[in-house]
Structure formats: C-alpha cells, structure tokens
Amino acid sequence: MQPLSSLDLKDAVEICQLNDDEFNELVEYGVVELMVNESGAVSIASSCIHTLQKAAQIRSDYALDLFSIVILVNYLQRITDLENENLLLKSELSKCFR
C-alpha cells in the first residue's frame, strides 16, 4: 500500500485537533499550503500533517495561543528538513567508505 500524498482538508483539520477557523488562520499565516486537484477538491500535503499534529499537541499541553503554533510549525518543519538532510548525508558518506 502506497502512503497518501495528500489528505482531505476536513480530515486534516480533525487529525490536527484544530477547528476550521484556526486552520484557516494557519493557512493565512502561510504555515499550511493547500492543494487543489483537478476536480476542485482541497487537500493538504500529508507530509505536513505530522508537523501540525506535533505543534497542536504542544499547544494543547502548554495552553499556547494560535500564533505560537505558527512558530512551532516553522521550527518543527526546519528540524524535520535538517534531519532528512542529515540522513541523506550519512547515506552518501557511507557509500564513500564501501
């Protein structure tokens, strides 16, 4: 089974434990990038769902405001990008020593 590349907007909002207004505000801040398919259905890339979930959980745990989630998502995404880049570099390095 191949992982989904995108998730329906309604499902994404529910999974991230946000209400529609909060989610729309995150879209306005540019934290969430929406995708529209040929039929006009709006979805969100599944790659950012994990980051949104983690930020929403931290927000809930520490009673932070919505703007805090914007900052969290940006940092969490940057950390994820750096981790992926680190794995790629490790893989390339291991090829050099074979």
PDB file of N, CA and C in Angstrom:
ATOM      1  N   MET A   1       0.846  -1.182   0.000  1.00  0.00           N
ATOM      2  CA  MET A   1       0.000   0.000   0.000  1.00  0.00           C
ATOM      3  C   MET A   1       0.890   1.244   0.000  1.00  0.00           C
ATOM      4  N   GLN A   2       0.643   2.136  -0.895  1.00  0.00           N
ATOM      5  CA  GLN A   2       1.416   3.370  -1.030  1.00  0.00           C
ATOM      6  C   GLN A   2       0.847   4.437  -0.107  1.00  0.00           C
ATOM      7  N   PRO A   3       1.739   5.182   0.624  1.00  0.00           N
ATOM      8  CA  PRO A   3       1.226   6.239   1.508  1.00  0.00           C
ATOM      9  C   PRO A   3       0.548   7.347   0.712  1.00  0.00           C
ATOM     10  N   LEU A   4      -0.425   7.980   1.340  1.00  0.00           N
ATOM     11  CA  LEU A   4      -1.145   9.071   0.689  1.00  0.00           C
ATOM     12  C   LEU A   4      -0.235  10.290   0.552  1.00  0.00           C
ATOM     13  N   SER A   5      -0.316  10.964  -0.592  1.00  0.00           N
ATOM     14  CA  SER A   5       0.480  12.176  -0.778  1.00  0.00           C
ATOM     15  C   SER A   5      -0.267  13.408  -0.283  1.00  0.00           C
ATOM     16  N   SER A   6      -1.572  13.277  -0.140  1.00  0.00           N
ATOM     17  CA  SER A   6      -2.364  14.390   0.385  1.00  0.00           C
ATOM     18  C   SER A   6      -3.541  13.844   1.180  1.00  0.00           C
ATOM     19  N   LEU A   7      -4.111  14.722   1.973  1.00  0.00           N
ATOM     20  CA  LEU A   7      -5.215  14.348   2.836  1.00  0.00           C
ATOM     21  C   LEU A   7      -6.329  15.375   2.670  1.00  0.00           C
ATOM     22  N   ASP A   8      -7.552  14.905   2.653  1.00  0.00           N
ATOM     23  CA  ASP A   8      -8.717  15.775   2.549  1.00  0.00           C
ATOM     24  C   ASP A   8      -8.655  16.827   3.655  1.00  0.00           C
ATOM     25  N   LEU A   9      -9.056  18.036   3.328  1.00  0.00           N
ATOM     26  CA  LEU A   9      -8.969  19.165   4.258  1.00  0.00           C
ATOM     27  C   LEU A   9      -9.721  18.887   5.551  1.00  0.00           C
ATOM     28  N   LYS A  10     -10.913  18.345   5.462  1.00  0.00           N
ATOM     29  CA  LYS A  10     -11.719  18.059   6.655  1.00  0.00           C
ATOM     30  C   LYS A  10     -11.015  17.046   7.552  1.00  0.00           C
ATOM     31  N   ASP A  11     -10.439  16.013   6.952  1.00  0.00           N
ATOM     32  CA  ASP A  11      -9.710  15.003   7.727  1.00  0.00           C
ATOM     33  C   ASP A  11      -8.476  15.607   8.383  1.00  0.00           C
ATOM     34  N   ALA A  12      -7.779  16.473   7.661  1.00  0.00           N
ATOM     35  CA  ALA A  12      -6.576  17.106   8.199  1.00  0.00           C
ATOM     36  C   ALA A  12      -6.915  17.963   9.412  1.00  0.00           C
ATOM     37  N   VAL A  13      -7.994  18.724   9.327  1.00  0.00           N
ATOM     38  CA  VAL A  13      -8.414  19.578  10.435  1.00  0.00           C
ATOM     39  C   VAL A  13      -8.724  18.722  11.662  1.00  0.00           C
ATOM     40  N   GLU A  14      -9.414  17.610  11.451  1.00  0.00           N
ATOM     41  CA  GLU A  14      -9.778  16.724  12.550  1.00  0.00           C
ATOM     42  C   GLU A  14      -8.541  16.050  13.160  1.00  0.00           C
ATOM     43  N   ILE A  15      -7.657  15.559  12.327  1.00  0.00           N
ATOM     44  CA  ILE A  15      -6.458  14.873  12.801  1.00  0.00           C
ATOM     45  C   ILE A  15      -5.571  15.809  13.618  1.00  0.00           C
ATOM     46  N   CYS A  16      -5.487  17.063  13.199  1.00  0.00           N
ATOM     47  CA  CYS A  16      -4.636  18.037  13.881  1.00  0.00           C
ATOM     48  C   CYS A  16      -5.314  18.673  15.087  1.00  0.00           C
ATOM     49  N   GLN A  17      -6.547  18.268  15.379  1.00  0.00           N
ATOM     50  CA  GLN A  17      -7.307  18.771  16.522  1.00  0.00           C
ATOM     51  C   GLN A  17      -7.429  20.293  16.511  1.00  0.00           C
ATOM     52  N   LEU A  18      -7.765  20.822  15.345  1.00  0.00           N
ATOM     53  CA  LEU A  18      -7.984  22.251  15.178  1.00  0.00           C
ATOM     54  C   LEU A  18      -9.411  22.465  14.698  1.00  0.00           C
ATOM     55  N   ASN A  19      -9.947  23.648  14.947  1.00  0.00           N
ATOM     56  CA  ASN A  19     -11.248  23.935  14.355  1.00  0.00           C
ATOM     57  C   ASN A  19     -11.021  24.631  13.011  1.00  0.00           C
ATOM     58  N   ASP A  20     -12.077  24.811  12.256  1.00  0.00           N
ATOM     59  CA  ASP A  20     -11.954  25.383  10.906  1.00  0.00           C
ATOM     60  C   ASP A  20     -11.333  26.778  10.920  1.00  0.00           C
ATOM     61  N   ASP A  21     -11.749  27.610  11.876  1.00  0.00           N
ATOM     62  CA  ASP A  21     -11.207  28.973  11.952  1.00  0.00           C
ATOM     63  C   ASP A  21      -9.705  28.965  12.231  1.00  0.00           C
ATOM     64  N   GLU A  22      -9.282  28.112  13.154  1.00  0.00           N
ATOM     65  CA  GLU A  22      -7.859  28.015  13.467  1.00  0.00           C
ATOM     66  C   GLU A  22      -7.066  27.542  12.257  1.00  0.00           C
ATOM     67  N   PHE A  23      -7.605  26.542  11.578  1.00  0.00           N
ATOM     68  CA  PHE A  23      -6.921  26.005  10.410  1.00  0.00           C
ATOM     69  C   PHE A  23      -6.824  27.058   9.307  1.00  0.00           C
ATOM     70  N   ASN A  24      -7.911  27.776   9.094  1.00  0.00           N
ATOM     71  CA  ASN A  24      -7.901  28.847   8.088  1.00  0.00           C
ATOM     72  C   ASN A  24      -6.894  29.936   8.434  1.00  0.00           C
ATOM     73  N   GLU A  25      -6.770  30.233   9.726  1.00  0.00           N
ATOM     74  CA  GLU A  25      -5.794  31.235  10.144  1.00  0.00           C
ATOM     75  C   GLU A  25      -4.365  30.747   9.874  1.00  0.00           C
ATOM     76  N   LEU A  26      -4.122  29.463  10.073  1.00  0.00           N
ATOM     77  CA  LEU A  26      -2.803  28.906   9.772  1.00  0.00           C
ATOM     78  C   LEU A  26      -2.512  28.985   8.270  1.00  0.00           C
ATOM     79  N   VAL A  27      -3.543  28.805   7.462  1.00  0.00           N
ATOM     80  CA  VAL A  27      -3.386  28.950   6.008  1.00  0.00           C
ATOM     81  C   VAL A  27      -3.032  30.399   5.688  1.00  0.00           C
ATOM     82  N   GLU A  28      -3.717  31.349   6.324  1.00  0.00           N
ATOM     83  CA  GLU A  28      -3.441  32.772   6.095  1.00  0.00           C
ATOM     84  C   GLU A  28      -2.014  33.145   6.501  1.00  0.00           C
ATOM     85  N   TYR A  29      -1.519  32.537   7.585  1.00  0.00           N
ATOM     86  CA  TYR A  29      -0.138  32.789   8.022  1.00  0.00           C
ATOM     87  C   TYR A  29       0.878  32.150   7.081  1.00  0.00           C
ATOM     88  N   GLY A  30       0.425  31.261   6.213  1.00  0.00           N
ATOM     89  CA  GLY A  30       1.321  30.600   5.281  1.00  0.00           C
ATOM     90  C   GLY A  30       1.972  29.350   5.832  1.00  0.00           C
ATOM     91  N   VAL A  31       1.485  28.874   6.960  1.00  0.00           N
ATOM     92  CA  VAL A  31       2.041  27.673   7.584  1.00  0.00           C
ATOM     93  C   VAL A  31       1.552  26.420   6.873  1.00  0.00           C
ATOM     94  N   VAL A  32       0.323  26.456   6.416  1.00  0.00           N
ATOM     95  CA  VAL A  32      -0.291  25.313   5.747  1.00  0.00           C
ATOM     96  C   VAL A  32      -0.504  25.673   4.285  1.00  0.00           C
ATOM     97  N   GLU A  33       0.016  24.836   3.431  1.00  0.00           N
ATOM     98  CA  GLU A  33      -0.170  25.058   1.995  1.00  0.00           C
ATOM     99  C   GLU A  33      -1.230  24.090   1.482  1.00  0.00           C
ATOM    100  N   LEU A  34      -2.279  24.655   0.925  1.00  0.00           N
ATOM    101  CA  LEU A  34      -3.371  23.841   0.404  1.00  0.00           C
ATOM    102  C   LEU A  34      -3.117  23.459  -1.041  1.00  0.00           C
ATOM    103  N   MET A  35      -3.627  22.296  -1.410  1.00  0.00           N
ATOM    104  CA  MET A  35      -3.524  21.813  -2.786  1.00  0.00           C
ATOM    105  C   MET A  35      -4.945  21.639  -3.321  1.00  0.00           C
ATOM    106  N   VAL A  36      -5.147  21.976  -4.581  1.00  0.00           N
ATOM    107  CA  VAL A  36      -6.444  21.803  -5.222  1.00  0.00           C
ATOM    108  C   VAL A  36      -6.249  20.866  -6.405  1.00  0.00           C
ATOM    109  N   ASN A  37      -7.030  19.773  -6.423  1.00  0.00           N
ATOM    110  CA  ASN A  37      -6.888  18.826  -7.534  1.00  0.00           C
ATOM    111  C   ASN A  37      -7.769  19.232  -8.711  1.00  0.00           C
ATOM    112  N   GLU A  38      -7.760  18.426  -9.763  1.00  0.00           N
ATOM    113  CA  GLU A  38      -8.498  18.748 -10.998  1.00  0.00           C
ATOM    114  C   GLU A  38      -9.991  18.924 -10.762  1.00  0.00           C
ATOM    115  N   SER A  39     -10.528  18.167  -9.804  1.00  0.00           N
ATOM    116  CA  SER A  39     -11.969  18.250  -9.539  1.00  0.00           C
ATOM    117  C   SER A  39     -12.326  19.407  -8.604  1.00  0.00           C
ATOM    118  N   GLY A  40     -11.317  20.139  -8.123  1.00  0.00           N
ATOM    119  CA  GLY A  40     -11.568  21.276  -7.254  1.00  0.00           C
ATOM    120  C   GLY A  40     -11.567  20.948  -5.779  1.00  0.00           C
ATOM    121  N   ALA A  41     -11.272  19.687  -5.428  1.00  0.00           N
ATOM    122  CA  ALA A  41     -11.221  19.296  -4.022  1.00  0.00           C
ATOM    123  C   ALA A  41      -9.947  19.848  -3.381  1.00  0.00           C
ATOM    124  N   VAL A  42     -10.103  20.407  -2.193  1.00  0.00           N
ATOM    125  CA  VAL A  42      -8.978  20.996  -1.477  1.00  0.00           C
ATOM    126  C   VAL A  42      -8.399  19.952  -0.522  1.00  0.00           C
ATOM    127  N   SER A  43      -7.072  19.859  -0.527  1.00  0.00           N
ATOM    128  CA  SER A  43      -6.400  18.922   0.362  1.00  0.00           C
ATOM    129  C   SER A  43      -5.115  19.554   0.881  1.00  0.00           C
ATOM    130  N   ILE A  44      -4.463  18.840   1.761  1.00  0.00           N
ATOM    131  CA  ILE A  44      -3.203  19.295   2.336  1.00  0.00           C
ATOM    132  C   ILE A  44      -2.190  18.169   2.179  1.00  0.00           C
ATOM    133  N   ALA A  45      -0.943  18.532   1.941  1.00  0.00           N
ATOM    134  CA  ALA A  45       0.107  17.523   1.774  1.00  0.00           C
ATOM    135  C   ALA A  45       0.233  16.725   3.062  1.00  0.00           C
ATOM    136  N   SER A  46       0.255  15.413   2.925  1.00  0.00           N
ATOM    137  CA  SER A  46       0.326  14.567   4.115  1.00  0.00           C
ATOM    138  C   SER A  46       1.649  14.727   4.845  1.00  0.00           C
ATOM    139  N   SER A  47       2.664  15.222   4.159  1.00  0.00           N
ATOM    140  CA  SER A  47       3.967  15.407   4.797  1.00  0.00           C
ATOM    141  C   SER A  47       3.929  16.440   5.918  1.00  0.00           C
ATOM    142  N   CYS A  48       3.018  17.387   5.861  1.00  0.00           N
ATOM    143  CA  CYS A  48       2.980  18.401   6.923  1.00  0.00           C
ATOM    144  C   CYS A  48       1.971  18.068   8.026  1.00  0.00           C
ATOM    145  N   ILE A  49       1.222  16.988   7.885  1.00  0.00           N
ATOM    146  CA  ILE A  49       0.255  16.607   8.913  1.00  0.00           C
ATOM    147  C   ILE A  49       0.959  16.276  10.224  1.00  0.00           C
ATOM    148  N   HIS A  50       2.041  15.504  10.145  1.00  0.00           N
ATOM    149  CA  HIS A  50       2.766  15.112  11.361  1.00  0.00           C
ATOM    150  C   HIS A  50       3.260  16.345  12.111  1.00  0.00           C
ATOM    151  N   THR A  51       3.805  17.296  11.380  1.00  0.00           N
ATOM    152  CA  THR A  51       4.300  18.531  11.994  1.00  0.00           C
ATOM    153  C   THR A  51       3.171  19.306  12.650  1.00  0.00           C
ATOM    154  N   LEU A  52       2.042  19.411  11.967  1.00  0.00           N
ATOM    155  CA  LEU A  52       0.885  20.120  12.538  1.00  0.00           C
ATOM    156  C   LEU A  52       0.355  19.415  13.781  1.00  0.00           C
ATOM    157  N   GLN A  53       0.321  18.089  13.733  1.00  0.00           N
ATOM    158  CA  GLN A  53      -0.139  17.336  14.895  1.00  0.00           C
ATOM    159  C   GLN A  53       0.762  17.586  16.104  1.00  0.00           C
ATOM    160  N   LYS A  54       2.058  17.533  15.875  1.00  0.00           N
ATOM    161  CA  LYS A  54       3.010  17.741  16.961  1.00  0.00           C
ATOM    162  C   LYS A  54       2.876  19.159  17.536  1.00  0.00           C
ATOM    163  N   ALA A  55       2.761  20.154  16.681  1.00  0.00           N
ATOM    164  CA  ALA A  55       2.608  21.538  17.132  1.00  0.00           C
ATOM    165  C   ALA A  55       1.297  21.719  17.895  1.00  0.00           C
ATOM    166  N   ALA A  56       0.222  21.108  17.396  1.00  0.00           N
ATOM    167  CA  ALA A  56      -1.073  21.211  18.073  1.00  0.00           C
ATOM    168  C   ALA A  56      -1.029  20.538  19.440  1.00  0.00           C
ATOM    169  N   GLN A  57      -0.304  19.433  19.550  1.00  0.00           N
ATOM    170  CA  GLN A  57      -0.182  18.745  20.833  1.00  0.00           C
ATOM    171  C   GLN A  57       0.600  19.596  21.830  1.00  0.00           C
ATOM    172  N   ILE A  58       1.690  20.199  21.384  1.00  0.00           N
ATOM    173  CA  ILE A  58       2.477  21.079  22.250  1.00  0.00           C
ATOM    174  C   ILE A  58       1.632  22.276  22.678  1.00  0.00           C
ATOM    175  N   ARG A  59       0.866  22.801  21.734  1.00  0.00           N
ATOM    176  CA  ARG A  59      -0.024  23.940  22.045  1.00  0.00           C
ATOM    177  C   ARG A  59      -1.022  23.552  23.130  1.00  0.00           C
ATOM    178  N   SER A  60      -1.600  22.370  23.002  1.00  0.00           N
ATOM    179  CA  SER A  60      -2.572  21.894  23.974  1.00  0.00           C
ATOM    180  C   SER A  60      -1.927  21.647  25.334  1.00  0.00           C
ATOM    181  N   ASP A  61      -0.761  21.018  25.331  1.00  0.00           N
ATOM    182  CA  ASP A  61      -0.071  20.697  26.585  1.00  0.00           C
ATOM    183  C   ASP A  61       0.301  21.936  27.386  1.00  0.00           C
ATOM    184  N   TYR A  62       0.673  22.991  26.683  1.00  0.00           N
ATOM    185  CA  TYR A  62       1.164  24.197  27.356  1.00  0.00           C
ATOM    186  C   TYR A  62       0.216  25.393  27.245  1.00  0.00           C
ATOM    187  N   ALA A  63      -0.999  25.169  26.764  1.00  0.00           N
ATOM    188  CA  ALA A  63      -2.025  26.219  26.655  1.00  0.00           C
ATOM    189  C   ALA A  63      -1.485  27.450  25.928  1.00  0.00           C
ATOM    190  N   LEU A  64      -0.890  27.228  24.763  1.00  0.00           N
ATOM    191  CA  LEU A  64      -0.329  28.318  23.970  1.00  0.00           C
ATOM    192  C   LEU A  64      -1.371  28.885  23.020  1.00  0.00           C
ATOM    193  N   ASP A  65      -1.169  30.104  22.566  1.00  0.00           N
ATOM    194  CA  ASP A  65      -2.091  30.711  21.609  1.00  0.00           C
ATOM    195  C   ASP A  65      -1.797  30.192  20.194  1.00  0.00           C
ATOM    196  N   LEU A  66      -2.665  30.544  19.267  1.00  0.00           N
ATOM    197  CA  LEU A  66      -2.546  30.025  17.902  1.00  0.00           C
ATOM    198  C   LEU A  66      -1.278  30.523  17.214  1.00  0.00           C
ATOM    199  N   PHE A  67      -0.881  31.749  17.498  1.00  0.00           N
ATOM    200  CA  PHE A  67       0.333  32.256  16.860  1.00  0.00           C
ATOM    201  C   PHE A  67       1.546  31.424  17.259  1.00  0.00           C
ATOM    202  N   SER A  68       1.526  30.879  18.460  1.00  0.00           N
ATOM    203  CA  SER A  68       2.617  30.008  18.911  1.00  0.00           C
ATOM    204  C   SER A  68       2.735  28.774  18.021  1.00  0.00           C
ATOM    205  N   ILE A  69       1.599  28.300  17.544  1.00  0.00           N
ATOM    206  CA  ILE A  69       1.629  27.128  16.675  1.00  0.00           C
ATOM    207  C   ILE A  69       2.322  27.468  15.355  1.00  0.00           C
ATOM    208  N   VAL A  70       2.188  28.703  14.902  1.00  0.00           N
ATOM    209  CA  VAL A  70       2.875  29.138  13.681  1.00  0.00           C
ATOM    210  C   VAL A  70       4.382  29.033  13.879  1.00  0.00           C
ATOM    211  N   ILE A  71       4.853  29.538  14.994  1.00  0.00           N
ATOM    212  CA  ILE A  71       6.282  29.473  15.298  1.00  0.00           C
ATOM    213  C   ILE A  71       6.725  28.024  15.437  1.00  0.00           C
ATOM    214  N   LEU A  72       5.932  27.229  16.162  1.00  0.00           N
ATOM    215  CA  LEU A  72       6.270  25.818  16.350  1.00  0.00           C
ATOM    216  C   LEU A  72       6.351  25.066  15.027  1.00  0.00           C
ATOM    217  N   VAL A  73       5.375  25.264  14.169  1.00  0.00           N
ATOM    218  CA  VAL A  73       5.360  24.562  12.881  1.00  0.00           C
ATOM    219  C   VAL A  73       6.598  24.921  12.074  1.00  0.00           C
ATOM    220  N   ASN A  74       6.959  26.195  12.052  1.00  0.00           N
ATOM    221  CA  ASN A  74       8.143  26.602  11.302  1.00  0.00           C
ATOM    222  C   ASN A  74       9.400  25.924  11.833  1.00  0.00           C
ATOM    223  N   TYR A  75       9.572  25.915  13.149  1.00  0.00           N
ATOM    224  CA  TYR A  75      10.749  25.271  13.730  1.00  0.00           C
ATOM    225  C   TYR A  75      10.714  23.753  13.576  1.00  0.00           C
ATOM    226  N   LEU A  76       9.559  23.155  13.796  1.00  0.00           N
ATOM    227  CA  LEU A  76       9.457  21.703  13.657  1.00  0.00           C
ATOM    228  C   LEU A  76       9.726  21.263  12.217  1.00  0.00           C
ATOM    229  N   GLN A  77       9.239  22.044  11.263  1.00  0.00           N
ATOM    230  CA  GLN A  77       9.489  21.701   9.860  1.00  0.00           C
ATOM    231  C   GLN A  77      10.966  21.843   9.533  1.00  0.00           C
ATOM    232  N   ARG A  78      11.591  22.873  10.071  1.00  0.00           N
ATOM    233  CA  ARG A  78      13.024  23.075   9.854  1.00  0.00           C
ATOM    234  C   ARG A  78      13.822  21.916  10.457  1.00  0.00           C
ATOM    235  N   ILE A  79      13.443  21.472  11.639  1.00  0.00           N
ATOM    236  CA  ILE A  79      14.104  20.335  12.267  1.00  0.00           C
ATOM    237  C   ILE A  79      13.944  19.086  11.413  1.00  0.00           C
ATOM    238  N   THR A  80      12.738  18.846  10.918  1.00  0.00           N
ATOM    239  CA  THR A  80      12.490  17.691  10.057  1.00  0.00           C
ATOM    240  C   THR A  80      13.337  17.758   8.794  1.00  0.00           C
ATOM    241  N   ASP A  81      13.409  18.932   8.188  1.00  0.00           N
ATOM    242  CA  ASP A  81      14.226  19.106   6.982  1.00  0.00           C
ATOM    243  C   ASP A  81      15.698  18.810   7.271  1.00  0.00           C
ATOM    244  N   LEU A  82      16.197  19.304   8.406  1.00  0.00           N
ATOM    245  CA  LEU A  82      17.592  19.070   8.776  1.00  0.00           C
ATOM    246  C   LEU A  82      17.851  17.594   9.078  1.00  0.00           C
ATOM    247  N   GLU A  83      16.899  16.936   9.725  1.00  0.00           N
ATOM    248  CA  GLU A  83      17.044  15.502   9.988  1.00  0.00           C
ATOM    249  C   GLU A  83      17.103  14.717   8.688  1.00  0.00           C
ATOM    250  N   ASN A  84      16.236  15.062   7.741  1.00  0.00           N
ATOM    251  CA  ASN A  84      16.245  14.371   6.441  1.00  0.00           C
ATOM    252  C   ASN A  84      17.547  14.610   5.695  1.00  0.00           C
ATOM    253  N   GLU A  85      18.023  15.840   5.745  1.00  0.00           N
ATOM    254  CA  GLU A  85      19.283  16.168   5.087  1.00  0.00           C
ATOM    255  C   GLU A  85      20.446  15.417   5.750  1.00  0.00           C
ATOM    256  N   ASN A  86      20.413  15.315   7.058  1.00  0.00           N
ATOM    257  CA  ASN A  86      21.437  14.589   7.789  1.00  0.00           C
ATOM    258  C   ASN A  86      21.446  13.110   7.389  1.00  0.00           C
ATOM    259  N   LEU A  87      20.283  12.500   7.276  1.00  0.00           N
ATOM    260  CA  LEU A  87      20.192  11.104   6.843  1.00  0.00           C
ATOM    261  C   LEU A  87      20.751  10.925   5.437  1.00  0.00           C
ATOM    262  N   LEU A  88      20.442  11.858   4.563  1.00  0.00           N
ATOM    263  CA  LEU A  88      20.952  11.790   3.193  1.00  0.00           C
ATOM    264  C   LEU A  88      22.473  11.892   3.176  1.00  0.00           C
ATOM    265  N   LEU A  89      23.011  12.814   3.961  1.00  0.00           N
ATOM    266  CA  LEU A  89      24.465  12.976   4.019  1.00  0.00           C
ATOM    267  C   LEU A  89      25.142  11.744   4.622  1.00  0.00           C
ATOM    268  N   LYS A  90      24.535  11.156   5.627  1.00  0.00           N
ATOM    269  CA  LYS A  90      25.075   9.924   6.214  1.00  0.00           C
ATOM    270  C   LYS A  90      25.082   8.804   5.192  1.00  0.00           C
ATOM    271  N   SER A  91      24.018   8.724   4.417  1.00  0.00           N
ATOM    272  CA  SER A  91      23.932   7.703   3.384  1.00  0.00           C
ATOM    273  C   SER A  91      25.022   7.901   2.330  1.00  0.00           C
ATOM    274  N   GLU A  92      25.212   9.133   1.904  1.00  0.00           N
ATOM    275  CA  GLU A  92      26.253   9.443   0.935  1.00  0.00           C
ATOM    276  C   GLU A  92      27.642   9.152   1.499  1.00  0.00           C
ATOM    277  N   LEU A  93      27.844   9.465   2.748  1.00  0.00           N
ATOM    278  CA  LEU A  93      29.130   9.231   3.388  1.00  0.00           C
ATOM    279  C   LEU A  93      29.426   7.741   3.493  1.00  0.00           C
ATOM    280  N   SER A  94      28.414   6.967   3.831  1.00  0.00           N
ATOM    281  CA  SER A  94      28.623   5.518   3.938  1.00  0.00           C
ATOM    282  C   SER A  94      28.996   4.898   2.595  1.00  0.00           C
ATOM    283  N   LYS A  95      28.502   5.477   1.496  1.00  0.00           N
ATOM    284  CA  LYS A  95      28.848   4.986   0.160  1.00  0.00           C
ATOM    285  C   LYS A  95      30.324   5.232  -0.142  1.00  0.00           C
ATOM    286  N   CYS A  96      30.892   6.270   0.428  1.00  0.00           N
ATOM    287  CA  CYS A  96      32.297   6.616   0.199  1.00  0.00           C
ATOM    288  C   CYS A  96      33.231   5.601   0.855  1.00  0.00           C
ATOM    289  N   PHE A  97      32.783   4.926   1.911  1.00  0.00           N
ATOM    290  CA  PHE A  97      33.641   4.013   2.651  1.00  0.00           C
ATOM    291  C   PHE A  97      33.356   2.551   2.345  1.00  0.00           C
ATOM    292  N   ARG A  98      32.647   2.274   1.299  1.00  0.00           N
ATOM    293  CA  ARG A  98      32.370   0.879   0.900  1.00  0.00           C
ATOM    294  C   ARG A  98      33.478   0.342   0.083  1.00  0.00           C
TER     295      ARG A  98
END
